[in-house]
Amino acid sequence: MLLTGLGGLAAALAACSPKPMHVEEIDDVGYVPVDPEKALRLINAYRAENGVAPLALDGELTRIARVYAGHLAEAGRMTHELEPWGGLEKRLKDGGYAYETAGENLGEGYRTIEQTIAGWKKSPPHDRGLKDRDMTRMGIASAENPKKRGDVYWCLIFSRPRRDPTLGVASTGHRWGPEPTVRLWSLPIRTPFSGN
């Protein structure tokens, strides 16, 4: 299985594209059912084992993750920057999602959420993403490559929204507000499951 993820690198939000891409689902992609509540329970149990506060599900992040998983499956490629949809920061902006910090874990080839999370735990960059103390929200989705049955792509997006209602206060920062950051895990990682 191939995983790409992010480590501790924080980058300032890049320049915006002049014409935003619409965030829409693809008709011919087989979206694989994933129970976001189950994924949340599994991830939060792991975070609790590691002394990290739980995440909350975010419908907007789930929608953005679903669209990107569909694009990855349609392209048959695993990357954090699939053109013309760009990287996570562009996809969040195009989806109208305001955030203080965000990151994502991607996976390919796993059939179940349990297998996918187990793979992320074994990959140090992905494991850091699962346990990132700065994140308060998540959205997750998966899709199957329409040309290759069983080739499933996973997208898990984490964030701390610009104004996070789970904290009960506006995010802190300098008086003009914090500069948004994205944690980028950019290197492909082959897990022991891949056979490659």
Protein backbone atom coordinates (compact mmCIF):
# COMPACT_ATOMS: atom_id res chain seq x y z
CA MET A 1 0.00 0.00 0.00
CA LEU A 2 1.23 3.49 -0.73
CA LEU A 3 0.84 6.27 1.79
CA THR A 4 1.68 9.91 1.57
CA GLY A 5 1.37 12.16 4.58
CA LEU A 6 2.74 15.14 6.44
CA GLY A 7 5.30 15.57 9.13
CA GLY A 8 5.95 18.64 11.17
CA LEU A 9 6.58 21.07 8.30
CA ALA A 10 4.39 24.18 8.55
CA ALA A 11 4.11 26.39 5.49
CA ALA A 12 2.46 29.76 5.04
CA LEU A 13 -0.66 29.75 2.93
CA ALA A 14 0.34 30.06 -0.71
CA ALA A 15 -0.96 32.63 -3.15
CA CYS A 16 -4.51 32.03 -4.28
CA SER A 17 -5.40 31.02 -7.83
CA PRO A 18 -7.17 33.71 -9.83
CA LYS A 19 -10.16 31.46 -10.67
CA PRO A 20 -11.31 29.01 -7.98
CA MET A 21 -12.11 25.43 -9.01
CA HIS A 22 -15.53 24.15 -8.02
CA VAL A 23 -15.51 21.44 -5.37
CA GLU A 24 -17.81 18.83 -6.89
CA GLU A 25 -18.04 15.04 -6.89
CA ILE A 26 -17.18 13.01 -9.99
CA ASP A 27 -20.05 10.97 -11.46
CA ASP A 28 -18.20 7.84 -12.61
CA VAL A 29 -16.05 7.22 -9.52
CA GLY A 30 -17.12 4.50 -7.10
CA TYR A 31 -17.23 6.19 -3.72
CA VAL A 32 -16.46 3.51 -1.14
CA PRO A 33 -18.70 3.73 1.91
CA VAL A 34 -16.78 4.78 5.00
CA ASP A 35 -18.44 5.30 8.36
CA PRO A 36 -17.04 8.65 9.54
CA GLU A 37 -18.32 8.04 13.09
CA LYS A 38 -16.40 4.75 13.23
CA ALA A 39 -13.28 6.43 11.84
CA LEU A 40 -13.66 9.19 14.44
CA ARG A 41 -13.99 6.63 17.27
CA LEU A 42 -10.89 4.71 16.12
CA ILE A 43 -8.78 7.85 15.68
CA ASN A 44 -9.96 9.41 18.96
CA ALA A 45 -9.24 6.16 20.85
CA TYR A 46 -5.69 6.27 19.46
CA ARG A 47 -5.34 9.95 20.35
CA ALA A 48 -6.57 9.21 23.91
CA GLU A 49 -3.96 6.42 24.25
CA ASN A 50 -1.37 9.07 23.42
CA GLY A 51 -2.73 11.81 25.70
CA VAL A 52 -4.17 13.91 22.87
CA ALA A 53 -7.60 15.62 22.93
CA PRO A 54 -10.30 14.13 20.68
CA LEU A 55 -11.28 15.43 17.28
CA ALA A 56 -14.81 16.33 16.13
CA LEU A 57 -16.27 15.44 12.74
CA ASP A 58 -16.58 18.31 10.29
CA GLY A 59 -19.07 17.94 7.43
CA GLU A 60 -17.26 20.45 5.23
CA LEU A 61 -13.92 18.64 5.63
CA THR A 62 -15.66 15.34 4.84
CA ARG A 63 -17.11 16.87 1.67
CA ILE A 64 -13.72 18.23 0.57
CA ALA A 65 -12.03 14.89 1.41
CA ARG A 66 -14.67 12.99 -0.58
CA VAL A 67 -14.17 15.13 -3.66
CA TYR A 68 -10.37 14.78 -3.51
CA ALA A 69 -10.52 11.01 -2.91
CA GLY A 70 -12.67 10.85 -6.06
CA HIS A 71 -10.14 12.86 -8.08
CA LEU A 72 -7.27 10.64 -6.87
CA ALA A 73 -9.22 7.49 -7.76
CA GLU A 74 -10.17 8.83 -11.19
CA ALA A 75 -6.53 9.78 -11.91
CA GLY A 76 -5.17 6.54 -10.41
CA ARG A 77 -2.47 8.62 -8.71
CA MET A 78 -1.52 9.27 -5.09
CA THR A 79 -0.37 12.84 -4.56
CA HIS A 80 -1.09 15.81 -2.31
CA GLU A 81 -1.08 18.13 -5.35
CA LEU A 82 -3.19 16.77 -8.19
CA GLU A 83 -3.67 19.33 -10.96
CA PRO A 84 -5.80 21.29 -11.54
CA TRP A 85 -7.17 20.96 -7.99
CA GLY A 86 -3.83 21.77 -6.38
CA GLY A 87 -2.65 21.20 -2.84
CA LEU A 88 -4.64 21.11 0.38
CA GLU A 89 -4.51 24.85 0.94
CA LYS A 90 -6.04 25.53 -2.49
CA ARG A 91 -8.68 22.82 -2.06
CA LEU A 92 -9.72 24.22 1.33
CA LYS A 93 -9.90 27.75 -0.07
CA ASP A 94 -11.89 26.62 -3.11
CA GLY A 95 -14.22 24.74 -0.76
CA GLY A 96 -14.78 27.93 1.27
CA TYR A 97 -13.18 26.47 4.41
CA ALA A 98 -11.47 29.00 6.73
CA TYR A 99 -8.81 27.43 8.93
CA GLU A 100 -5.97 28.27 11.25
CA THR A 101 -4.01 25.10 10.50
CA ALA A 102 -4.74 21.99 8.44
CA GLY A 103 -3.14 18.77 7.25
CA GLU A 104 -4.01 15.52 5.53
CA ASN A 105 -3.19 11.83 5.43
CA LEU A 106 -3.66 9.97 2.15
CA GLY A 107 -3.65 6.22 1.56
CA GLU A 108 -4.05 3.81 -1.33
CA GLY A 109 -5.00 0.15 -1.53
CA TYR A 110 -6.45 -0.45 1.91
CA ARG A 111 -9.93 -2.02 1.89
CA THR A 112 -11.15 -0.98 5.36
CA ILE A 113 -10.81 1.97 7.70
CA GLU A 114 -9.13 -0.32 10.25
CA GLN A 115 -6.43 -1.33 7.72
CA THR A 116 -5.95 2.27 6.63
CA ILE A 117 -5.52 3.61 10.17
CA ALA A 118 -3.18 0.69 11.02
CA GLY A 119 -1.06 1.65 7.99
CA TRP A 120 -0.98 5.31 9.05
CA LYS A 121 0.07 4.33 12.59
CA LYS A 122 3.06 2.40 11.17
CA SER A 123 4.23 5.39 9.11
CA PRO A 124 5.93 8.02 11.33
CA PRO A 125 4.72 11.06 9.32
CA HIS A 126 1.12 9.79 9.21
CA ASP A 127 1.27 8.79 12.86
CA ARG A 128 2.27 12.38 13.74
CA GLY A 129 -0.77 13.56 11.78
CA LEU A 130 -3.11 11.26 13.73
CA LYS A 131 -1.69 12.59 17.02
CA ASP A 132 -1.29 16.27 16.07
CA ARG A 133 -2.31 18.32 19.14
CA ASP A 134 -3.07 21.42 17.05
CA MET A 135 -5.94 19.76 15.18
CA THR A 136 -9.53 19.77 16.48
CA ARG A 137 -11.59 18.61 13.46
CA MET A 138 -11.47 15.90 10.81
CA GLY A 139 -13.20 14.72 7.65
CA ILE A 140 -12.58 11.40 5.89
CA ALA A 141 -13.59 9.70 2.63
CA SER A 142 -12.53 6.99 0.20
CA ALA A 143 -13.11 6.20 -3.48
CA GLU A 144 -12.31 3.33 -5.85
CA ASN A 145 -10.44 3.73 -9.13
CA PRO A 146 -13.12 3.25 -11.83
CA LYS A 147 -10.59 1.51 -14.10
CA LYS A 148 -9.11 -0.84 -11.49
CA ARG A 149 -11.48 -2.53 -9.05
CA GLY A 150 -10.11 -2.77 -5.52
CA ASP A 151 -7.74 0.19 -5.95
CA VAL A 152 -9.11 2.36 -3.11
CA TYR A 153 -7.89 5.88 -2.29
CA TRP A 154 -8.33 7.42 1.19
CA CYS A 155 -8.28 11.09 2.18
CA LEU A 156 -8.29 12.22 5.83
CA ILE A 157 -8.20 15.99 6.41
CA PHE A 158 -7.46 17.48 9.84
CA SER A 159 -7.94 21.12 10.82
CA ARG A 160 -8.31 23.73 13.46
CA PRO A 161 -10.93 26.04 11.94
CA ARG A 162 -10.27 29.78 11.93
CA ARG A 163 -13.00 30.16 14.55
CA ASP A 164 -13.43 26.80 16.28
CA PRO A 165 -16.75 26.46 18.14
CA THR A 166 -15.41 23.44 20.07
CA LEU A 167 -13.04 25.83 21.86
CA GLY A 168 -15.73 28.41 22.61
CA VAL A 169 -13.44 31.29 21.60
CA ALA A 170 -11.92 32.74 18.47
CA SER A 171 -8.50 31.37 17.55
CA THR A 172 -5.60 33.32 18.98
CA GLY A 173 -2.89 35.10 17.06
CA HIS A 174 -1.63 38.59 16.35
CA ARG A 175 -4.26 41.31 16.19
CA TRP A 176 -5.01 40.69 12.50
CA GLY A 177 -5.51 36.96 13.15
CA PRO A 178 -3.15 34.04 12.69
CA GLU A 179 -1.56 33.24 9.35
CA PRO A 180 -3.10 29.97 8.09
CA THR A 181 -0.67 27.06 7.84
CA VAL A 182 -0.76 23.68 6.15
CA ARG A 183 1.34 20.74 7.31
CA LEU A 184 2.58 18.96 4.19
CA TRP A 185 3.58 15.29 4.15
CA SER A 186 4.93 15.08 0.65
CA LEU A 187 7.03 11.91 0.35
CA PRO A 188 5.43 8.66 -0.79
CA ILE A 189 5.95 5.92 1.77
CA ARG A 190 5.68 2.24 0.92
CA THR A 191 4.33 0.19 3.77
CA PRO A 192 5.21 -3.47 4.44
CA PHE A 193 1.76 -4.36 3.04
CA SER A 194 2.53 -3.10 -0.47
CA GLY A 195 4.71 -5.95 -1.68
CA ASN A 196 6.81 -3.40 -3.59
